Amino acid sequence: MKYLVVLVIVVVLVRIDVVMRLFDKATEKLNSKVPETQSSDITSDREVVSMSQDQTLKQTPRQVFLALLDDFHGNPSKDVRETAMNYFKSHPTMFGLTLDKNLEMVVFRWRDLLNLNEPEMVNFLLDLLNVLQGENQEMVKRFFSLWMEIDMQNFLTAYSKTKDSNCVIATTFGDSIPEEEKLNEYVDREAAVAKILTNDKLDPTVRALATNCQLMLNLQISKMAPPPPPPGEEDQAASTEEP
């Protein structure tokens, strides 16, 4: 009887052990079906595109274009110019007829490029003249006119590629100057153009523009120059000065 009891206890323990093993195996199978989610995976997924760090997404087309113009000032290359103009073609309504002060500020920063006769700057100005309208186009002409005081020959060569064949720009000033000083500026410009016209080997297109510039300047000078004294008044003034 004693041995029978012991045998029953052993059988019970063995069955309990078998049940526990089956339970452990079932638990392992269930756990293996649930993929582990790493916290690092969640974090990296959120950091793929950070809106706060991507400043380009916050900029308007106008701001992007102005930034490209500013980049050109530091790197006046063909690649930057073409990138900017291609971007403009994709957003042609960025600037209207009214003057954009920020556009004016960025363009007038190129003044040092005028002194350097930077060829890509010339191409960029010609591009802008073709796509801008109204006051913004006039602003580019005002900037272009600064070149007349720096290098008249290079100005005429570059400006001969524009549609202003009558050289209306000849009487335009990039900087604001007092009215009483304009006459002297016109005289200086006319003298510089006249000197260039003495060159027999001057390109015909440049010569035609220079001739029209000279006509425009002489017309303006004649309007602003003080009129000559009436006949006899000079002699009368001289006689009164005699003792």
Protein backbone atom coordinates (compact mmCIF):
# COMPACT_ATOMS: atom_id res chain seq x y z
CA MET A 1 0.00 0.00 0.00
CA LYS A 2 2.83 2.35 0.86
CA TYR A 3 4.50 1.62 -2.48
CA LEU A 4 1.26 2.27 -4.32
CA VAL A 5 0.93 5.74 -2.80
CA VAL A 6 4.51 6.59 -3.74
CA LEU A 7 3.90 5.43 -7.28
CA VAL A 8 0.79 7.63 -7.59
CA ILE A 9 2.73 10.67 -6.35
CA VAL A 10 5.51 10.05 -8.89
CA VAL A 11 3.03 9.79 -11.75
CA VAL A 12 1.33 13.02 -10.69
CA LEU A 13 4.67 14.89 -10.55
CA VAL A 14 5.68 13.60 -13.97
CA ARG A 15 2.40 14.80 -15.48
CA ILE A 16 2.75 18.21 -13.86
CA ASP A 17 6.24 18.50 -15.38
CA VAL A 18 4.91 17.59 -18.82
CA VAL A 19 2.12 20.16 -18.53
CA MET A 20 4.61 22.87 -17.50
CA ARG A 21 6.82 22.10 -20.49
CA LEU A 22 3.87 22.30 -22.86
CA PHE A 23 2.90 25.64 -21.30
CA ASP A 24 6.43 27.00 -21.75
CA LYS A 25 6.49 25.94 -25.41
CA ALA A 26 3.14 27.58 -26.08
CA THR A 27 4.33 30.79 -24.45
CA GLU A 28 7.48 30.82 -26.59
CA LYS A 29 5.43 30.39 -29.78
CA LEU A 30 3.15 33.27 -28.89
CA ASN A 31 6.09 35.56 -28.10
CA SER A 32 7.82 34.65 -31.36
CA LYS A 33 4.76 35.85 -33.36
CA VAL A 34 4.84 39.38 -31.85
CA PRO A 35 7.61 41.48 -33.51
CA GLU A 36 9.73 43.50 -31.16
CA THR A 37 9.45 47.24 -31.62
CA GLN A 38 12.65 49.02 -30.81
CA SER A 39 12.41 52.50 -29.42
CA SER A 40 15.27 53.48 -31.70
CA ASP A 41 13.14 52.51 -34.73
CA ILE A 42 10.35 54.83 -33.61
CA THR A 43 12.76 57.69 -33.02
CA SER A 44 14.53 57.31 -36.35
CA ASP A 45 11.19 57.15 -38.16
CA ARG A 46 10.24 60.55 -36.77
CA GLU A 47 13.60 62.07 -37.57
CA VAL A 48 13.62 61.21 -41.28
CA VAL A 49 12.14 64.61 -42.21
CA SER A 50 12.32 67.29 -39.58
CA MET A 51 10.10 70.19 -40.56
CA SER A 52 11.84 72.48 -38.11
CA GLN A 53 15.26 71.75 -39.62
CA ASP A 54 14.21 71.93 -43.29
CA GLN A 55 14.26 75.70 -43.77
CA THR A 56 13.59 75.44 -47.50
CA LEU A 57 10.09 74.18 -46.80
CA LYS A 58 9.38 77.37 -44.86
CA GLN A 59 10.53 79.75 -47.64
CA THR A 60 8.30 81.27 -50.28
CA PRO A 61 9.37 81.09 -53.95
CA ARG A 62 10.28 84.79 -53.79
CA GLN A 63 12.57 84.21 -50.78
CA VAL A 64 14.25 81.27 -52.49
CA PHE A 65 14.92 83.36 -55.62
CA LEU A 66 16.33 86.26 -53.59
CA ALA A 67 18.60 83.80 -51.78
CA LEU A 68 19.88 82.56 -55.15
CA LEU A 69 20.63 86.15 -56.21
CA ASP A 70 22.55 86.65 -52.98
CA ASP A 71 24.47 83.41 -53.60
CA PHE A 72 25.41 84.73 -57.04
CA HIS A 73 27.04 87.76 -55.45
CA GLY A 74 29.49 85.48 -53.65
CA ASN A 75 29.76 83.00 -56.50
CA PRO A 76 29.04 84.71 -59.87
CA SER A 77 29.02 81.49 -61.86
CA LYS A 78 26.98 80.24 -64.79
CA ASP A 79 25.56 77.39 -62.70
CA VAL A 80 24.11 79.72 -60.04
CA ARG A 81 22.70 82.06 -62.71
CA GLU A 82 21.03 79.25 -64.64
CA THR A 83 19.65 77.70 -61.44
CA ALA A 84 18.11 81.04 -60.48
CA MET A 85 16.62 81.68 -63.91
CA ASN A 86 15.19 78.17 -64.18
CA TYR A 87 13.60 78.69 -60.77
CA PHE A 88 12.14 82.00 -61.97
CA LYS A 89 10.60 80.28 -64.99
CA SER A 90 8.91 77.83 -62.62
CA HIS A 91 7.51 80.74 -60.54
CA PRO A 92 6.97 83.60 -63.05
CA THR A 93 4.55 85.54 -60.84
CA MET A 94 6.94 86.13 -57.93
CA PHE A 95 7.35 89.82 -58.83
CA GLY A 96 4.72 92.15 -60.22
CA LEU A 97 4.83 95.65 -61.67
CA THR A 98 5.47 97.38 -58.33
CA LEU A 99 9.06 97.74 -57.15
CA ASP A 100 10.17 95.01 -54.77
CA LYS A 101 12.54 96.70 -52.30
CA ASN A 102 14.23 93.45 -51.29
CA LEU A 103 14.91 92.60 -54.93
CA GLU A 104 16.40 96.07 -55.41
CA MET A 105 18.60 95.67 -52.34
CA VAL A 106 19.99 92.30 -53.48
CA VAL A 107 20.67 93.47 -57.06
CA PHE A 108 22.44 96.66 -55.95
CA ARG A 109 24.77 94.52 -53.84
CA TRP A 110 26.33 93.47 -57.13
CA ARG A 111 27.97 96.89 -57.51
CA ASP A 112 31.44 95.41 -56.95
CA LEU A 113 30.80 92.98 -59.81
CA LEU A 114 30.37 96.00 -62.11
CA ASN A 115 33.86 97.18 -61.15
CA LEU A 116 35.18 93.71 -61.95
CA ASN A 117 33.37 93.60 -65.32
CA GLU A 118 32.09 90.17 -64.31
CA PRO A 119 30.77 88.52 -67.52
CA GLU A 120 28.17 86.30 -65.83
CA MET A 121 26.75 89.34 -64.05
CA VAL A 122 26.16 90.92 -67.47
CA ASN A 123 24.31 87.80 -68.60
CA PHE A 124 22.26 87.80 -65.40
CA LEU A 125 21.27 91.46 -65.83
CA LEU A 126 20.22 90.76 -69.42
CA ASP A 127 18.16 87.80 -68.20
CA LEU A 128 16.44 89.92 -65.56
CA LEU A 129 15.63 92.66 -68.05
CA ASN A 130 13.86 90.07 -70.19
CA VAL A 131 11.71 88.56 -67.43
CA LEU A 132 10.99 91.43 -65.01
CA GLN A 133 8.33 94.03 -65.72
CA GLY A 134 7.31 97.51 -64.63
CA GLU A 135 9.21 99.17 -61.81
CA ASN A 136 11.34 96.09 -61.21
CA GLN A 137 12.62 96.16 -64.79
CA GLU A 138 13.32 99.89 -64.44
CA MET A 139 15.26 99.14 -61.27
CA VAL A 140 17.56 96.79 -63.19
CA LYS A 141 18.10 99.54 -65.78
CA ARG A 142 19.01 101.96 -63.01
CA PHE A 143 21.58 99.50 -61.75
CA PHE A 144 22.88 98.95 -65.28
CA SER A 145 23.34 102.73 -65.69
CA LEU A 146 25.92 102.75 -62.87
CA TRP A 147 28.30 101.08 -65.31
CA MET A 148 28.48 104.22 -67.47
CA GLU A 149 30.50 106.00 -64.80
CA ILE A 150 32.69 102.93 -64.21
CA ASP A 151 33.47 101.74 -67.74
CA MET A 152 31.57 103.27 -70.67
CA GLN A 153 33.10 100.92 -73.24
CA ASN A 154 32.03 97.76 -71.40
CA PHE A 155 28.65 99.30 -70.68
CA LEU A 156 27.99 99.97 -74.37
CA THR A 157 29.19 96.50 -75.39
CA ALA A 158 26.89 94.80 -72.87
CA TYR A 159 23.89 97.11 -73.27
CA SER A 160 23.92 96.77 -77.06
CA LYS A 161 22.37 93.31 -76.46
CA THR A 162 19.22 94.82 -74.94
CA LYS A 163 16.06 96.06 -76.66
CA ASP A 164 16.80 99.70 -75.74
CA SER A 165 18.41 100.56 -79.10
CA ASN A 166 17.51 104.25 -78.67
CA CYS A 167 19.60 104.38 -75.46
CA VAL A 168 16.90 105.88 -73.28
CA ILE A 169 19.03 104.69 -70.37
CA ALA A 170 21.61 107.38 -71.17
CA THR A 171 19.75 109.85 -68.94
CA THR A 172 19.11 107.36 -66.13
CA PHE A 173 20.95 107.42 -62.82
CA GLY A 174 21.38 104.44 -60.53
CA ASP A 175 22.00 106.58 -57.47
CA SER A 176 20.00 109.57 -56.34
CA ILE A 177 21.93 112.77 -57.12
CA PRO A 178 21.02 116.45 -56.68
CA GLU A 179 19.32 118.04 -59.68
CA GLU A 180 22.05 120.67 -60.05
CA GLU A 181 24.70 117.96 -60.48
CA LYS A 182 22.95 116.09 -63.27
CA LEU A 183 24.14 118.47 -66.00
CA ASN A 184 27.78 117.79 -65.18
CA GLU A 185 27.09 114.06 -65.19
CA TYR A 186 25.50 114.27 -68.62
CA VAL A 187 28.46 116.25 -69.94
CA ASP A 188 30.91 113.67 -68.60
CA ARG A 189 28.91 110.81 -70.11
CA GLU A 190 28.75 112.54 -73.50
CA ALA A 191 32.50 113.10 -73.48
CA ALA A 192 33.10 109.41 -72.69
CA VAL A 193 30.79 108.31 -75.52
CA ALA A 194 32.36 110.76 -77.97
CA LYS A 195 35.81 109.34 -77.20
CA ILE A 196 34.62 105.80 -77.92
CA LEU A 197 33.07 106.89 -81.22
CA THR A 198 36.51 107.98 -82.47
CA ASN A 199 37.50 104.30 -82.65
CA ASP A 200 37.36 103.27 -86.34
CA LYS A 201 37.25 99.58 -85.42
CA LEU A 202 34.23 99.87 -83.15
CA ASP A 203 31.64 97.12 -83.56
CA PRO A 204 28.76 98.42 -85.74
CA THR A 205 26.09 97.45 -83.19
CA VAL A 206 28.00 99.19 -80.39
CA ARG A 207 28.59 102.22 -82.63
CA ALA A 208 24.86 102.52 -83.38
CA LEU A 209 24.01 102.41 -79.67
CA ALA A 210 26.79 104.88 -78.79
CA THR A 211 25.54 107.32 -81.44
CA ASN A 212 22.01 107.20 -80.03
CA CYS A 213 23.36 107.63 -76.51
CA GLN A 214 25.24 110.71 -77.63
CA LEU A 215 22.09 112.14 -79.22
CA MET A 216 20.08 111.53 -76.05
CA LEU A 217 22.75 113.15 -73.88
CA ASN A 218 23.17 116.19 -76.13
CA LEU A 219 19.41 116.68 -76.15
CA GLN A 220 19.30 116.58 -72.35
CA ILE A 221 22.31 118.89 -72.06
CA SER A 222 20.68 121.43 -74.38
CA LYS A 223 17.56 121.38 -72.20
CA MET A 224 19.46 121.91 -68.98
CA ALA A 225 22.27 124.22 -70.08
CA PRO A 226 21.73 127.89 -69.20
CA PRO A 227 20.56 129.93 -72.23
CA PRO A 228 23.12 132.27 -73.84
CA PRO A 229 22.69 135.99 -73.06
CA PRO A 230 20.74 138.07 -75.60
CA PRO A 231 22.80 139.84 -78.31
CA GLY A 232 24.43 143.04 -77.02
CA GLU A 233 23.88 142.16 -73.37
CA GLU A 234 27.38 140.73 -73.12
CA ASP A 235 28.94 143.90 -74.51
CA GLN A 236 26.83 146.03 -72.19
CA ALA A 237 27.89 144.00 -69.16
CA ALA A 238 31.52 144.30 -70.19
CA SER A 239 31.28 148.09 -70.67
CA THR A 240 29.84 148.59 -67.19
CA GLU A 241 32.85 146.83 -65.74
CA GLU A 242 35.32 149.20 -67.48
CA PRO A 243 36.62 152.08 -65.29
